[in-house]
Amino acid sequence: MTSIGIGLLVIAPVYLSILLLLKALHSLGQLLHPVIEILPVYLQSKTAFALAVLLIITFIIGTALRTGLGMRARYKLESALFERIPGYAMFRGFTQRLAGESDEETWKPALVETDDSALMPVFIIEELTDGRYTVFVPSVPTPLAGAVFVYERHRVHEVDVPFAHALRVISRWGEGAQDMVAAMKKK
């Protein structure tokens, strides 16, 4: 993959997220226009008011999703709709790991021994029934791009470091890898 392609993998989601946020703010500003007209002139900024309302709505939804009913509703929505979107489960696992909220077995930081006895930082995606591991080998310095391999169990060493630390090592061209090597679990 070329540098442009890898760059697009990083820039495109950020750009699309910003566009979506701006569209939401514009639509919310139009919807709130009658309310904004009532406010004093110095408070009549559609964008600021829409952003405040959007933050309040986001807070309310986030709080509701932490309740038992909210968690069940989220689970049903994810299983009925979002799980059918290709890549959603992987992306969800990735972001939950990044936030430190996941106990899932996916995206576990590890080091793989290569044929020439070098150690390569990877993320364990799953353990196969025959004991081998499917691993994601991220590109440096863009950990969201990379390749998938299946390695024998004896070549994959889990490391006891936070997911975010492993991402930093990759995005910083290996700086901090000493901690990963020190935290390597021997099998």
C-alpha atoms as a PDB file:
ATOM      1  CA  MET A   1       0.000   0.000   0.000  1.00  0.00           C
ATOM      2  CA  THR A   2       1.346   3.409  -0.875  1.00  0.00           C
ATOM      3  CA  SER A   3       1.916   6.231   1.575  1.00  0.00           C
ATOM      4  CA  ILE A   4      -1.079   8.035   0.096  1.00  0.00           C
ATOM      5  CA  GLY A   5      -3.297   5.000   0.687  1.00  0.00           C
ATOM      6  CA  ILE A   6      -2.152   4.637   4.280  1.00  0.00           C
ATOM      7  CA  GLY A   7      -2.605   8.361   4.843  1.00  0.00           C
ATOM      8  CA  LEU A   8      -6.150   8.126   3.488  1.00  0.00           C
ATOM      9  CA  LEU A   9      -6.935   5.342   5.961  1.00  0.00           C
ATOM     10  CA  VAL A  10      -6.157   7.789   8.750  1.00  0.00           C
ATOM     11  CA  ILE A  11      -7.469  11.044   7.260  1.00  0.00           C
ATOM     12  CA  ALA A  12     -10.742   9.775   5.721  1.00  0.00           C
ATOM     13  CA  PRO A  13     -12.444   8.698   8.991  1.00  0.00           C
ATOM     14  CA  VAL A  14     -11.378  11.928  10.713  1.00  0.00           C
ATOM     15  CA  TYR A  15     -12.608  14.039   7.772  1.00  0.00           C
ATOM     16  CA  LEU A  16     -15.924  12.154   7.589  1.00  0.00           C
ATOM     17  CA  SER A  17     -16.429  12.482  11.350  1.00  0.00           C
ATOM     18  CA  ILE A  18     -15.878  16.241  11.164  1.00  0.00           C
ATOM     19  CA  LEU A  19     -18.291  16.541   8.222  1.00  0.00           C
ATOM     20  CA  LEU A  20     -20.912  14.529  10.093  1.00  0.00           C
ATOM     21  CA  LEU A  21     -20.496  16.684  13.203  1.00  0.00           C
ATOM     22  CA  LEU A  22     -20.790  19.902  11.170  1.00  0.00           C
ATOM     23  CA  LYS A  23     -23.916  18.594   9.415  1.00  0.00           C
ATOM     24  CA  ALA A  24     -25.447  17.630  12.781  1.00  0.00           C
ATOM     25  CA  LEU A  25     -24.643  21.072  14.210  1.00  0.00           C
ATOM     26  CA  HIS A  26     -26.150  22.817  11.173  1.00  0.00           C
ATOM     27  CA  SER A  27     -29.331  20.709  11.292  1.00  0.00           C
ATOM     28  CA  LEU A  28     -29.665  21.169  15.037  1.00  0.00           C
ATOM     29  CA  GLY A  29     -29.101  24.918  14.626  1.00  0.00           C
ATOM     30  CA  GLN A  30     -31.940  25.091  12.080  1.00  0.00           C
ATOM     31  CA  LEU A  31     -34.202  23.066  14.359  1.00  0.00           C
ATOM     32  CA  LEU A  32     -33.429  25.301  17.346  1.00  0.00           C
ATOM     33  CA  HIS A  33     -33.768  28.568  15.377  1.00  0.00           C
ATOM     34  CA  PRO A  34     -37.098  29.575  17.015  1.00  0.00           C
ATOM     35  CA  VAL A  35     -35.603  29.088  20.489  1.00  0.00           C
ATOM     36  CA  ILE A  36     -32.415  30.966  19.576  1.00  0.00           C
ATOM     37  CA  GLU A  37     -34.457  33.976  18.369  1.00  0.00           C
ATOM     38  CA  ILE A  38     -35.864  34.392  21.906  1.00  0.00           C
ATOM     39  CA  LEU A  39     -32.395  34.633  23.459  1.00  0.00           C
ATOM     40  CA  PRO A  40     -30.518  37.934  23.917  1.00  0.00           C
ATOM     41  CA  VAL A  41     -28.512  39.013  20.864  1.00  0.00           C
ATOM     42  CA  TYR A  42     -25.146  38.173  22.427  1.00  0.00           C
ATOM     43  CA  LEU A  43     -26.300  34.533  22.919  1.00  0.00           C
ATOM     44  CA  GLN A  44     -27.699  34.037  19.413  1.00  0.00           C
ATOM     45  CA  SER A  45     -24.923  31.873  17.988  1.00  0.00           C
ATOM     46  CA  LYS A  46     -26.573  28.915  16.263  1.00  0.00           C
ATOM     47  CA  THR A  47     -23.366  26.886  16.241  1.00  0.00           C
ATOM     48  CA  ALA A  48     -22.555  27.411  19.923  1.00  0.00           C
ATOM     49  CA  PHE A  49     -26.136  26.733  21.000  1.00  0.00           C
ATOM     50  CA  ALA A  50     -26.373  23.638  18.787  1.00  0.00           C
ATOM     51  CA  LEU A  51     -23.054  22.361  20.140  1.00  0.00           C
ATOM     52  CA  ALA A  52     -24.275  22.816  23.722  1.00  0.00           C
ATOM     53  CA  VAL A  53     -27.516  20.958  22.965  1.00  0.00           C
ATOM     54  CA  LEU A  54     -25.596  18.197  21.167  1.00  0.00           C
ATOM     55  CA  LEU A  55     -23.291  17.784  24.180  1.00  0.00           C
ATOM     56  CA  ILE A  56     -26.278  17.624  26.535  1.00  0.00           C
ATOM     57  CA  ILE A  57     -27.993  15.007  24.336  1.00  0.00           C
ATOM     58  CA  THR A  58     -24.761  12.996  24.156  1.00  0.00           C
ATOM     59  CA  PHE A  59     -24.411  13.150  27.951  1.00  0.00           C
ATOM     60  CA  ILE A  60     -28.017  12.009  28.479  1.00  0.00           C
ATOM     61  CA  ILE A  61     -27.626   9.102  26.043  1.00  0.00           C
ATOM     62  CA  GLY A  62     -24.309   8.105  27.618  1.00  0.00           C
ATOM     63  CA  THR A  63     -25.863   8.163  31.085  1.00  0.00           C
ATOM     64  CA  ALA A  64     -28.911   6.183  29.920  1.00  0.00           C
ATOM     65  CA  LEU A  65     -26.704   3.526  28.317  1.00  0.00           C
ATOM     66  CA  ARG A  66     -25.041   2.875  31.685  1.00  0.00           C
ATOM     67  CA  THR A  67     -28.336   1.705  33.218  1.00  0.00           C
ATOM     68  CA  GLY A  68     -29.473  -1.916  33.026  1.00  0.00           C
ATOM     69  CA  LEU A  69     -32.247  -1.078  30.571  1.00  0.00           C
ATOM     70  CA  GLY A  70     -29.876   1.016  28.473  1.00  0.00           C
ATOM     71  CA  MET A  71     -27.286  -1.777  28.304  1.00  0.00           C
ATOM     72  CA  ARG A  72     -29.930  -4.273  27.195  1.00  0.00           C
ATOM     73  CA  ALA A  73     -31.233  -1.856  24.555  1.00  0.00           C
ATOM     74  CA  ARG A  74     -27.693  -1.220  23.298  1.00  0.00           C
ATOM     75  CA  TYR A  75     -26.989  -4.958  23.118  1.00  0.00           C
ATOM     76  CA  LYS A  76     -30.202  -5.583  21.141  1.00  0.00           C
ATOM     77  CA  LEU A  77     -29.465  -2.693  18.777  1.00  0.00           C
ATOM     78  CA  GLU A  78     -25.890  -3.875  18.219  1.00  0.00           C
ATOM     79  CA  SER A  79     -26.877  -7.484  17.584  1.00  0.00           C
ATOM     80  CA  ALA A  80     -29.833  -6.603  15.341  1.00  0.00           C
ATOM     81  CA  LEU A  81     -28.257  -3.814  13.318  1.00  0.00           C
ATOM     82  CA  PHE A  82     -24.624  -2.905  13.876  1.00  0.00           C
ATOM     83  CA  GLU A  83     -23.163  -6.436  13.959  1.00  0.00           C
ATOM     84  CA  ARG A  84     -24.310  -6.809  10.348  1.00  0.00           C
ATOM     85  CA  ILE A  85     -22.082  -3.942   9.245  1.00  0.00           C
ATOM     86  CA  PRO A  86     -18.754  -5.370   8.034  1.00  0.00           C
ATOM     87  CA  GLY A  87     -15.909  -4.459  10.355  1.00  0.00           C
ATOM     88  CA  TYR A  88     -18.144  -3.066  13.105  1.00  0.00           C
ATOM     89  CA  ALA A  89     -17.309  -5.750  15.686  1.00  0.00           C
ATOM     90  CA  MET A  90     -13.600  -5.345  15.030  1.00  0.00           C
ATOM     91  CA  PHE A  91     -13.786  -1.554  15.262  1.00  0.00           C
ATOM     92  CA  ARG A  92     -15.890  -1.748  18.449  1.00  0.00           C
ATOM     93  CA  GLY A  93     -13.378  -4.114  20.048  1.00  0.00           C
ATOM     94  CA  PHE A  94     -10.530  -1.847  18.984  1.00  0.00           C
ATOM     95  CA  THR A  95     -12.084   1.309  20.431  1.00  0.00           C
ATOM     96  CA  GLN A  96     -13.153  -0.429  23.652  1.00  0.00           C
ATOM     97  CA  ARG A  97      -9.599  -1.709  24.094  1.00  0.00           C
ATOM     98  CA  LEU A  98      -8.249   1.779  23.463  1.00  0.00           C
ATOM     99  CA  ALA A  99     -10.584   3.185  26.115  1.00  0.00           C
ATOM    100  CA  GLY A 100      -9.566   0.424  28.535  1.00  0.00           C
ATOM    101  CA  GLU A 101     -13.149  -0.867  28.774  1.00  0.00           C
ATOM    102  CA  SER A 102     -12.788  -4.310  27.235  1.00  0.00           C
ATOM    103  CA  ASP A 103     -12.114  -7.717  28.709  1.00  0.00           C
ATOM    104  CA  GLU A 104     -12.404  -9.328  25.291  1.00  0.00           C
ATOM    105  CA  GLU A 105      -9.676 -11.581  24.024  1.00  0.00           C
ATOM    106  CA  THR A 106      -9.247  -9.569  20.813  1.00  0.00           C
ATOM    107  CA  TRP A 107      -6.604  -6.910  20.211  1.00  0.00           C
ATOM    108  CA  LYS A 108      -4.335  -8.205  22.972  1.00  0.00           C
ATOM    109  CA  PRO A 109      -0.796  -6.826  22.614  1.00  0.00           C
ATOM    110  CA  ALA A 110       1.828  -9.464  21.871  1.00  0.00           C
ATOM    111  CA  LEU A 111       5.258 -10.024  20.363  1.00  0.00           C
ATOM    112  CA  VAL A 112       5.805 -12.564  17.581  1.00  0.00           C
ATOM    113  CA  GLU A 113       9.118 -14.311  17.055  1.00  0.00           C
ATOM    114  CA  THR A 114      10.023 -14.160  13.375  1.00  0.00           C
ATOM    115  CA  ASP A 115      12.114 -16.747  11.494  1.00  0.00           C
ATOM    116  CA  ASP A 116      15.274 -14.756  12.215  1.00  0.00           C
ATOM    117  CA  SER A 117      14.485 -14.605  15.992  1.00  0.00           C
ATOM    118  CA  ALA A 118      13.438 -10.954  15.881  1.00  0.00           C
ATOM    119  CA  LEU A 119      10.438  -9.801  17.925  1.00  0.00           C
ATOM    120  CA  MET A 120       7.609  -8.020  16.114  1.00  0.00           C
ATOM    121  CA  PRO A 121       4.797  -6.153  17.930  1.00  0.00           C
ATOM    122  CA  VAL A 122       1.364  -7.514  16.996  1.00  0.00           C
ATOM    123  CA  PHE A 123      -2.188  -7.719  18.302  1.00  0.00           C
ATOM    124  CA  ILE A 124      -3.846 -11.082  18.908  1.00  0.00           C
ATOM    125  CA  ILE A 125      -7.187 -11.195  17.123  1.00  0.00           C
ATOM    126  CA  GLU A 126      -8.229 -14.733  18.051  1.00  0.00           C
ATOM    127  CA  GLU A 127      -6.991 -18.125  19.150  1.00  0.00           C
ATOM    128  CA  LEU A 128      -7.838 -20.884  16.681  1.00  0.00           C
ATOM    129  CA  THR A 129      -9.154 -24.285  17.785  1.00  0.00           C
ATOM    130  CA  ASP A 130      -5.823 -25.903  16.885  1.00  0.00           C
ATOM    131  CA  GLY A 131      -3.957 -23.535  19.255  1.00  0.00           C
ATOM    132  CA  ARG A 132      -2.532 -21.166  16.639  1.00  0.00           C
ATOM    133  CA  TYR A 133      -3.182 -17.433  16.786  1.00  0.00           C
ATOM    134  CA  THR A 134      -4.565 -15.033  14.222  1.00  0.00           C
ATOM    135  CA  VAL A 135      -2.592 -11.824  14.679  1.00  0.00           C
ATOM    136  CA  PHE A 136      -2.739  -8.360  13.189  1.00  0.00           C
ATOM    137  CA  VAL A 137       0.677  -6.952  12.292  1.00  0.00           C
ATOM    138  CA  PRO A 138       0.308  -3.157  12.236  1.00  0.00           C
ATOM    139  CA  SER A 139       2.205  -0.886   9.882  1.00  0.00           C
ATOM    140  CA  VAL A 140       4.587   1.639  11.375  1.00  0.00           C
ATOM    141  CA  PRO A 141       3.734   4.420  12.206  1.00  0.00           C
ATOM    142  CA  THR A 142       0.054   3.855  11.303  1.00  0.00           C
ATOM    143  CA  PRO A 143      -1.250   1.070  13.558  1.00  0.00           C
ATOM    144  CA  LEU A 144      -4.677   1.022  11.877  1.00  0.00           C
ATOM    145  CA  ALA A 145      -3.196  -0.403   8.675  1.00  0.00           C
ATOM    146  CA  GLY A 146      -1.347  -3.669   8.430  1.00  0.00           C
ATOM    147  CA  ALA A 147      -1.607  -7.363   7.615  1.00  0.00           C
ATOM    148  CA  VAL A 148      -3.144 -10.458   9.196  1.00  0.00           C
ATOM    149  CA  PHE A 149      -1.172 -13.666   9.773  1.00  0.00           C
ATOM    150  CA  VAL A 150      -1.704 -16.995  11.513  1.00  0.00           C
ATOM    151  CA  TYR A 151       1.231 -18.027  13.726  1.00  0.00           C
ATOM    152  CA  GLU A 152       2.029 -21.119  15.751  1.00  0.00           C
ATOM    153  CA  ARG A 153       1.336 -20.697  19.456  1.00  0.00           C
ATOM    154  CA  HIS A 154       5.006 -21.009  20.513  1.00  0.00           C
ATOM    155  CA  ARG A 155       5.933 -17.966  18.388  1.00  0.00           C
ATOM    156  CA  VAL A 156       3.315 -15.625  19.888  1.00  0.00           C
ATOM    157  CA  HIS A 157       4.091 -14.107  23.293  1.00  0.00           C
ATOM    158  CA  GLU A 158       1.434 -12.053  25.044  1.00  0.00           C
ATOM    159  CA  VAL A 159       2.720  -8.926  26.736  1.00  0.00           C
ATOM    160  CA  ASP A 160       1.321  -7.463  29.911  1.00  0.00           C
ATOM    161  CA  VAL A 161       1.109  -3.838  28.777  1.00  0.00           C
ATOM    162  CA  PRO A 162      -1.949  -1.650  28.180  1.00  0.00           C
ATOM    163  CA  PHE A 163      -3.330  -1.590  24.650  1.00  0.00           C
ATOM    164  CA  ALA A 164      -2.701   2.164  24.398  1.00  0.00           C
ATOM    165  CA  HIS A 165       0.984   1.634  25.256  1.00  0.00           C
ATOM    166  CA  ALA A 166       1.377  -0.912  22.456  1.00  0.00           C
ATOM    167  CA  LEU A 167      -0.230   1.550  20.018  1.00  0.00           C
ATOM    168  CA  ARG A 168       2.187   4.275  21.131  1.00  0.00           C
ATOM    169  CA  VAL A 169       5.177   1.977  20.565  1.00  0.00           C
ATOM    170  CA  ILE A 170       4.036   1.333  16.995  1.00  0.00           C
ATOM    171  CA  SER A 171       3.137   4.940  16.190  1.00  0.00           C
ATOM    172  CA  ARG A 172       6.484   6.143  17.602  1.00  0.00           C
ATOM    173  CA  TRP A 173       8.566   3.866  15.409  1.00  0.00           C
ATOM    174  CA  GLY A 174       9.323   1.422  18.241  1.00  0.00           C
ATOM    175  CA  GLU A 175      10.153   3.871  21.006  1.00  0.00           C
ATOM    176  CA  GLY A 176       9.114   2.228  24.279  1.00  0.00           C
ATOM    177  CA  ALA A 177       9.427  -1.344  22.972  1.00  0.00           C
ATOM    178  CA  GLN A 178      11.692  -2.149  25.914  1.00  0.00           C
ATOM    179  CA  ASP A 179       8.608  -2.197  28.171  1.00  0.00           C
ATOM    180  CA  MET A 180       6.891  -4.655  25.835  1.00  0.00           C
ATOM    181  CA  VAL A 181       9.895  -6.979  25.771  1.00  0.00           C
ATOM    182  CA  ALA A 182      10.177  -6.818  29.570  1.00  0.00           C
ATOM    183  CA  ALA A 183       6.455  -7.622  29.924  1.00  0.00           C
ATOM    184  CA  MET A 184       6.594 -10.611  27.557  1.00  0.00           C
ATOM    185  CA  LYS A 185       4.915 -13.701  28.994  1.00  0.00           C
ATOM    186  CA  LYS A 186       6.927 -16.851  28.322  1.00  0.00           C
ATOM    187  CA  LYS A 187       5.052 -20.001  27.369  1.00  0.00           C
END
